Amino acid sequence: MWPDLLRALALVLVIEGLLPFLAPERWREMMQRASTADARSLRLFGGGLIAVGVVLLQFLH
């Protein structure tokens, strides 16, 4: 189980690093907009991402 979890974490890091590597200015703008968003919007967005991830994991399993 631990090797799979570490692989998943490594893949997340690769995916998270793509945007700042490929388009640093757009990434900076996105981070600035996210920093001004209210907590409720960020929670809803995060919850939506979690839900999509869980559904994808179910389809892949």
C-alpha atoms as a PDB file:
ATOM      1  CA  MET A   1       0.000   0.000   0.000  1.00  0.00           C
ATOM      2  CA  TRP A   2       2.751   2.499   0.899  1.00  0.00           C
ATOM      3  CA  PRO A   3       4.522   2.251  -2.463  1.00  0.00           C
ATOM      4  CA  ASP A   4       1.220   2.953  -4.247  1.00  0.00           C
ATOM      5  CA  LEU A   5       0.554   5.939  -2.012  1.00  0.00           C
ATOM      6  CA  LEU A   6       4.025   7.332  -2.662  1.00  0.00           C
ATOM      7  CA  ARG A   7       3.585   6.844  -6.422  1.00  0.00           C
ATOM      8  CA  ALA A   8       0.262   8.692  -6.259  1.00  0.00           C
ATOM      9  CA  LEU A   9       1.866  11.539  -4.320  1.00  0.00           C
ATOM     10  CA  ALA A  10       4.711  11.715  -6.840  1.00  0.00           C
ATOM     11  CA  LEU A  11       2.206  11.895  -9.696  1.00  0.00           C
ATOM     12  CA  VAL A  12       0.336  14.710  -7.934  1.00  0.00           C
ATOM     13  CA  LEU A  13       3.594  16.641  -7.604  1.00  0.00           C
ATOM     14  CA  VAL A  14       4.354  16.168 -11.306  1.00  0.00           C
ATOM     15  CA  ILE A  15       0.874  17.322 -12.324  1.00  0.00           C
ATOM     16  CA  GLU A  16       0.940  20.282  -9.919  1.00  0.00           C
ATOM     17  CA  GLY A  17       4.304  21.363 -11.308  1.00  0.00           C
ATOM     18  CA  LEU A  18       3.216  21.369 -14.942  1.00  0.00           C
ATOM     19  CA  LEU A  19       1.376  24.701 -14.971  1.00  0.00           C
ATOM     20  CA  PRO A  20       4.051  26.796 -13.221  1.00  0.00           C
ATOM     21  CA  PHE A  21       6.657  25.182 -15.484  1.00  0.00           C
ATOM     22  CA  LEU A  22       4.777  25.682 -18.759  1.00  0.00           C
ATOM     23  CA  ALA A  23       2.982  28.984 -18.089  1.00  0.00           C
ATOM     24  CA  PRO A  24       4.425  30.756 -15.029  1.00  0.00           C
ATOM     25  CA  GLU A  25       2.686  34.092 -15.639  1.00  0.00           C
ATOM     26  CA  ARG A  26      -0.770  32.530 -16.008  1.00  0.00           C
ATOM     27  CA  TRP A  27      -0.116  30.416 -12.910  1.00  0.00           C
ATOM     28  CA  ARG A  28       0.836  33.536 -10.933  1.00  0.00           C
ATOM     29  CA  GLU A  29      -2.360  35.299 -12.063  1.00  0.00           C
ATOM     30  CA  MET A  30      -4.427  32.275 -11.067  1.00  0.00           C
ATOM     31  CA  MET A  31      -2.809  32.182  -7.620  1.00  0.00           C
ATOM     32  CA  GLN A  32      -3.468  35.898  -7.135  1.00  0.00           C
ATOM     33  CA  ARG A  33      -7.146  35.411  -8.016  1.00  0.00           C
ATOM     34  CA  ALA A  34      -7.382  32.408  -5.703  1.00  0.00           C
ATOM     35  CA  SER A  35      -5.886  34.419  -2.845  1.00  0.00           C
ATOM     36  CA  THR A  36      -8.712  36.954  -3.120  1.00  0.00           C
ATOM     37  CA  ALA A  37     -11.506  34.354  -3.288  1.00  0.00           C
ATOM     38  CA  ASP A  38     -13.662  33.849  -0.223  1.00  0.00           C
ATOM     39  CA  ALA A  39     -13.281  30.703   1.876  1.00  0.00           C
ATOM     40  CA  ARG A  40     -16.672  29.301   0.841  1.00  0.00           C
ATOM     41  CA  SER A  41     -15.777  29.396  -2.859  1.00  0.00           C
ATOM     42  CA  LEU A  42     -12.428  27.723  -2.221  1.00  0.00           C
ATOM     43  CA  ARG A  43     -14.107  25.005  -0.142  1.00  0.00           C
ATOM     44  CA  LEU A  44     -16.697  24.356  -2.851  1.00  0.00           C
ATOM     45  CA  PHE A  45     -13.984  24.174  -5.497  1.00  0.00           C
ATOM     46  CA  GLY A  46     -11.882  21.841  -3.348  1.00  0.00           C
ATOM     47  CA  GLY A  47     -14.894  19.659  -2.590  1.00  0.00           C
ATOM     48  CA  GLY A  48     -15.699  19.437  -6.288  1.00  0.00           C
ATOM     49  CA  LEU A  49     -12.148  18.353  -7.057  1.00  0.00           C
ATOM     50  CA  ILE A  50     -12.315  15.703  -4.350  1.00  0.00           C
ATOM     51  CA  ALA A  51     -15.620  14.394  -5.715  1.00  0.00           C
ATOM     52  CA  VAL A  52     -14.265  14.197  -9.267  1.00  0.00           C
ATOM     53  CA  GLY A  53     -11.149  12.432  -7.997  1.00  0.00           C
ATOM     54  CA  VAL A  54     -13.169   9.861  -6.061  1.00  0.00           C
ATOM     55  CA  VAL A  55     -15.368   9.141  -9.092  1.00  0.00           C
ATOM     56  CA  LEU A  56     -12.315   8.764 -11.312  1.00  0.00           C
ATOM     57  CA  LEU A  57     -10.704   6.409  -8.818  1.00  0.00           C
ATOM     58  CA  GLN A  58     -13.838   4.279  -8.792  1.00  0.00           C
ATOM     59  CA  PHE A  59     -13.814   4.021 -12.584  1.00  0.00           C
ATOM     60  CA  LEU A  60     -10.129   3.110 -12.611  1.00  0.00           C
ATOM     61  CA  HIS A  61     -10.406   0.492  -9.882  1.00  0.00           C
END
